[in-house]
Amino acid sequence: MMPLKKTIIFLSLGGMLLSGCTGNEAVPSNATQTGAVTGAIAGSVIGYNTKGHHKGERAVIGGLLGAATGAAIGNAVDNSTPPPADTGGWHD
């Protein structure tokens, strides 16, 4: 397996694992983070698999464009979602 493919697979798996660690308990509005990570992974995979030379450069450019697009979409989702209601719970 080529070193770039190993790197992309490793970073993709790491990104998926890290994006699963952000929950509603820590950050109530995390669609921006999730969109950026998902967009970066999708963009780098799509960029790497397009035809032509310089696959690494296309993977990086695709990842950056995907992250920006995913973050923008996630931000729109965060802004349209109402904040969670405070139901009391265990407050000091």
N, C-alpha and C. Protein backbone atom coordinates (compact mmCIF):
# COMPACT_ATOMS: atom_id res chain seq x y z
N MET A 1 0.84 -1.17 0.00
CA MET A 1 0.00 0.00 0.00
C MET A 1 0.89 1.24 0.00
N MET A 2 0.51 2.22 -0.77
CA MET A 2 1.32 3.43 -0.89
C MET A 2 1.28 4.22 0.42
N PRO A 3 2.37 4.95 0.73
CA PRO A 3 2.40 5.71 1.98
C PRO A 3 1.29 6.75 2.09
N LEU A 4 0.91 7.38 0.97
CA LEU A 4 -0.14 8.39 1.02
C LEU A 4 -1.49 7.74 1.35
N LYS A 5 -1.73 6.57 0.79
CA LYS A 5 -2.99 5.88 1.10
C LYS A 5 -3.04 5.51 2.57
N LYS A 6 -1.93 5.04 3.11
CA LYS A 6 -1.89 4.71 4.54
C LYS A 6 -2.15 5.95 5.38
N THR A 7 -1.57 7.07 4.99
CA THR A 7 -1.76 8.31 5.73
C THR A 7 -3.22 8.75 5.68
N ILE A 8 -3.83 8.69 4.51
CA ILE A 8 -5.23 9.09 4.38
C ILE A 8 -6.13 8.18 5.21
N ILE A 9 -5.88 6.89 5.15
CA ILE A 9 -6.69 5.95 5.94
C ILE A 9 -6.51 6.21 7.43
N PHE A 10 -5.28 6.41 7.86
CA PHE A 10 -5.00 6.67 9.28
C PHE A 10 -5.67 7.95 9.75
N LEU A 11 -5.55 9.03 8.97
CA LEU A 11 -6.16 10.30 9.35
C LEU A 11 -7.68 10.22 9.32
N SER A 12 -8.22 9.48 8.37
CA SER A 12 -9.67 9.32 8.30
C SER A 12 -10.20 8.60 9.52
N LEU A 13 -9.55 7.50 9.89
CA LEU A 13 -9.98 6.77 11.07
C LEU A 13 -9.81 7.60 12.34
N GLY A 14 -8.71 8.31 12.44
CA GLY A 14 -8.50 9.18 13.60
C GLY A 14 -9.54 10.28 13.69
N GLY A 15 -9.86 10.87 12.56
CA GLY A 15 -10.90 11.91 12.55
C GLY A 15 -12.26 11.39 12.95
N MET A 16 -12.59 10.20 12.48
CA MET A 16 -13.88 9.61 12.87
C MET A 16 -13.91 9.31 14.36
N LEU A 17 -12.82 8.80 14.89
CA LEU A 17 -12.78 8.50 16.32
C LEU A 17 -12.86 9.77 17.16
N LEU A 18 -12.14 10.81 16.75
CA LEU A 18 -12.15 12.06 17.51
C LEU A 18 -13.49 12.78 17.39
N SER A 19 -14.12 12.71 16.25
CA SER A 19 -15.41 13.39 16.11
C SER A 19 -16.48 12.69 16.94
N GLY A 20 -16.30 11.41 17.24
CA GLY A 20 -17.24 10.71 18.10
C GLY A 20 -17.08 11.09 19.56
N CYS A 21 -15.99 11.74 19.92
CA CYS A 21 -15.74 12.10 21.32
C CYS A 21 -16.43 13.39 21.71
N THR A 22 -16.95 14.15 20.78
CA THR A 22 -17.63 15.39 21.12
C THR A 22 -19.12 15.10 21.19
N GLY A 23 -19.69 15.20 22.36
CA GLY A 23 -21.11 14.92 22.55
C GLY A 23 -21.85 16.14 23.02
N ASN A 24 -23.13 16.01 23.18
CA ASN A 24 -23.95 17.13 23.62
C ASN A 24 -23.62 17.56 25.04
N GLU A 25 -23.00 16.67 25.83
CA GLU A 25 -22.67 17.04 27.19
C GLU A 25 -21.61 18.14 27.22
N ALA A 26 -20.61 18.05 26.36
CA ALA A 26 -19.51 19.00 26.38
C ALA A 26 -19.81 20.22 25.49
N VAL A 27 -20.31 19.98 24.30
CA VAL A 27 -20.55 21.05 23.34
C VAL A 27 -21.94 20.86 22.76
N PRO A 28 -22.92 21.67 23.17
CA PRO A 28 -24.28 21.45 22.68
C PRO A 28 -24.44 21.67 21.19
N SER A 29 -23.65 22.53 20.57
CA SER A 29 -23.77 22.80 19.14
C SER A 29 -22.48 22.36 18.46
N ASN A 30 -22.43 21.12 18.02
CA ASN A 30 -21.20 20.61 17.44
C ASN A 30 -21.35 20.19 15.99
N ALA A 31 -22.39 20.62 15.30
CA ALA A 31 -22.55 20.28 13.89
C ALA A 31 -21.45 20.91 13.05
N THR A 32 -20.91 22.04 13.48
CA THR A 32 -19.81 22.67 12.75
C THR A 32 -18.57 21.79 12.77
N GLN A 33 -18.24 21.25 13.95
CA GLN A 33 -17.09 20.35 14.06
C GLN A 33 -17.30 19.08 13.23
N THR A 34 -18.45 18.49 13.39
CA THR A 34 -18.74 17.25 12.66
C THR A 34 -18.71 17.48 11.16
N GLY A 35 -19.29 18.58 10.71
CA GLY A 35 -19.29 18.91 9.28
C GLY A 35 -17.89 19.14 8.74
N ALA A 36 -17.04 19.80 9.52
CA ALA A 36 -15.67 20.07 9.07
C ALA A 36 -14.88 18.77 8.95
N VAL A 37 -15.00 17.89 9.93
CA VAL A 37 -14.25 16.62 9.89
C VAL A 37 -14.77 15.75 8.76
N THR A 38 -16.08 15.62 8.64
CA THR A 38 -16.66 14.79 7.58
C THR A 38 -16.32 15.35 6.21
N GLY A 39 -16.42 16.66 6.04
CA GLY A 39 -16.08 17.29 4.77
C GLY A 39 -14.62 17.13 4.40
N ALA A 40 -13.73 17.23 5.40
CA ALA A 40 -12.30 17.06 5.14
C ALA A 40 -12.00 15.64 4.67
N ILE A 41 -12.60 14.66 5.32
CA ILE A 41 -12.37 13.27 4.93
C ILE A 41 -12.92 13.01 3.53
N ALA A 42 -14.15 13.42 3.29
CA ALA A 42 -14.75 13.20 1.98
C ALA A 42 -14.00 13.94 0.89
N GLY A 43 -13.62 15.19 1.15
CA GLY A 43 -12.90 15.98 0.15
C GLY A 43 -11.54 15.42 -0.18
N SER A 44 -10.83 14.92 0.84
CA SER A 44 -9.51 14.36 0.55
C SER A 44 -9.61 13.05 -0.22
N VAL A 45 -10.60 12.25 0.09
CA VAL A 45 -10.79 10.99 -0.66
C VAL A 45 -11.17 11.29 -2.10
N ILE A 46 -12.10 12.21 -2.29
CA ILE A 46 -12.52 12.57 -3.65
C ILE A 46 -11.36 13.20 -4.41
N GLY A 47 -10.63 14.10 -3.77
CA GLY A 47 -9.49 14.74 -4.44
C GLY A 47 -8.41 13.75 -4.82
N TYR A 48 -8.16 12.77 -3.96
CA TYR A 48 -7.14 11.77 -4.24
C TYR A 48 -7.54 10.88 -5.42
N ASN A 49 -8.82 10.60 -5.55
CA ASN A 49 -9.28 9.67 -6.58
C ASN A 49 -9.62 10.33 -7.91
N THR A 50 -9.41 11.63 -8.06
CA THR A 50 -9.64 12.26 -9.35
C THR A 50 -8.48 11.94 -10.29
N LYS A 51 -8.73 12.06 -11.57
CA LYS A 51 -7.72 11.69 -12.57
C LYS A 51 -6.64 12.75 -12.67
N GLY A 52 -5.45 12.32 -13.01
CA GLY A 52 -4.34 13.24 -13.22
C GLY A 52 -3.18 12.95 -12.31
N HIS A 53 -2.18 13.82 -12.38
CA HIS A 53 -0.98 13.68 -11.56
C HIS A 53 -1.15 14.45 -10.25
N HIS A 54 -0.17 14.32 -9.36
CA HIS A 54 -0.13 15.04 -8.09
C HIS A 54 -1.33 14.70 -7.20
N LYS A 55 -1.51 13.42 -6.95
CA LYS A 55 -2.65 12.98 -6.14
C LYS A 55 -2.61 13.55 -4.73
N GLY A 56 -1.42 13.69 -4.16
CA GLY A 56 -1.30 14.24 -2.82
C GLY A 56 -1.78 15.68 -2.73
N GLU A 57 -1.40 16.47 -3.71
CA GLU A 57 -1.84 17.87 -3.73
C GLU A 57 -3.35 17.96 -3.87
N ARG A 58 -3.92 17.13 -4.75
CA ARG A 58 -5.37 17.15 -4.93
C ARG A 58 -6.09 16.68 -3.67
N ALA A 59 -5.50 15.72 -2.94
CA ALA A 59 -6.11 15.25 -1.70
C ALA A 59 -6.11 16.37 -0.65
N VAL A 60 -5.03 17.12 -0.56
CA VAL A 60 -4.96 18.22 0.41
C VAL A 60 -5.94 19.32 0.04
N ILE A 61 -5.97 19.70 -1.23
CA ILE A 61 -6.89 20.75 -1.68
C ILE A 61 -8.33 20.30 -1.47
N GLY A 62 -8.64 19.06 -1.82
CA GLY A 62 -9.99 18.54 -1.61
C GLY A 62 -10.36 18.51 -0.14
N GLY A 63 -9.41 18.15 0.71
CA GLY A 63 -9.67 18.13 2.14
C GLY A 63 -9.96 19.51 2.68
N LEU A 64 -9.19 20.51 2.24
CA LEU A 64 -9.42 21.88 2.69
C LEU A 64 -10.76 22.42 2.22
N LEU A 65 -11.07 22.17 0.95
CA LEU A 65 -12.36 22.63 0.43
C LEU A 65 -13.52 21.91 1.11
N GLY A 66 -13.36 20.60 1.33
CA GLY A 66 -14.41 19.83 2.01
C GLY A 66 -14.61 20.28 3.44
N ALA A 67 -13.51 20.57 4.15
CA ALA A 67 -13.62 21.05 5.53
C ALA A 67 -14.34 22.39 5.59
N ALA A 68 -14.00 23.29 4.68
CA ALA A 68 -14.65 24.60 4.67
C ALA A 68 -16.14 24.47 4.35
N THR A 69 -16.47 23.64 3.37
CA THR A 69 -17.87 23.45 3.00
C THR A 69 -18.65 22.77 4.12
N GLY A 70 -18.07 21.72 4.69
CA GLY A 70 -18.73 21.01 5.78
C GLY A 70 -18.92 21.89 7.01
N ALA A 71 -17.93 22.72 7.33
CA ALA A 71 -18.06 23.63 8.47
C ALA A 71 -19.15 24.67 8.21
N ALA A 72 -19.25 25.17 6.99
CA ALA A 72 -20.28 26.15 6.66
C ALA A 72 -21.67 25.54 6.79
N ILE A 73 -21.84 24.32 6.30
CA ILE A 73 -23.13 23.65 6.41
C ILE A 73 -23.44 23.35 7.88
N GLY A 74 -22.46 22.85 8.61
CA GLY A 74 -22.66 22.56 10.02
C GLY A 74 -22.99 23.81 10.83
N ASN A 75 -22.35 24.93 10.49
CA ASN A 75 -22.64 26.19 11.17
C ASN A 75 -24.08 26.62 10.91
N ALA A 76 -24.56 26.43 9.68
CA ALA A 76 -25.95 26.76 9.37
C ALA A 76 -26.91 25.88 10.18
N VAL A 77 -26.56 24.61 10.34
CA VAL A 77 -27.38 23.71 11.15
C VAL A 77 -27.37 24.14 12.61
N ASP A 78 -26.17 24.49 13.12
CA ASP A 78 -26.07 24.95 14.52
C ASP A 78 -26.91 26.20 14.75
N ASN A 79 -26.89 27.12 13.80
CA ASN A 79 -27.64 28.36 13.96
C ASN A 79 -29.14 28.16 13.86
N SER A 80 -29.59 27.13 13.14
CA SER A 80 -31.02 26.90 12.98
C SER A 80 -31.60 25.99 14.07
N THR A 81 -30.73 25.35 14.84
CA THR A 81 -31.19 24.45 15.90
C THR A 81 -31.35 25.25 17.20
N PRO A 82 -32.52 25.16 17.85
CA PRO A 82 -32.68 25.89 19.10
C PRO A 82 -31.80 25.30 20.20
N PRO A 83 -31.40 26.11 21.16
CA PRO A 83 -30.56 25.59 22.25
C PRO A 83 -31.35 24.59 23.10
N PRO A 84 -30.66 23.65 23.73
CA PRO A 84 -31.37 22.66 24.55
C PRO A 84 -32.02 23.33 25.76
N ALA A 85 -33.18 22.81 26.14
CA ALA A 85 -33.90 23.37 27.29
C ALA A 85 -33.27 22.90 28.58
N ASP A 86 -33.18 23.79 29.55
CA ASP A 86 -32.65 23.45 30.86
C ASP A 86 -33.78 22.80 31.67
N THR A 87 -33.63 21.54 31.95
CA THR A 87 -34.70 20.81 32.65
C THR A 87 -34.44 20.67 34.14
N GLY A 88 -33.49 21.38 34.64
CA GLY A 88 -33.17 21.27 36.07
C GLY A 88 -31.99 20.36 36.24
N GLY A 89 -32.25 19.13 36.65
CA GLY A 89 -31.17 18.15 36.78
C GLY A 89 -30.34 18.39 38.02
N TRP A 90 -29.12 17.97 37.98
CA TRP A 90 -28.22 18.02 39.13
C TRP A 90 -27.35 19.26 39.05
N HIS A 91 -27.86 20.38 39.45
CA HIS A 91 -27.09 21.63 39.49
C HIS A 91 -26.74 21.96 40.92
N ASP A 92 -25.56 22.52 41.11
CA ASP A 92 -25.15 22.94 42.45
C ASP A 92 -25.59 24.34 42.74
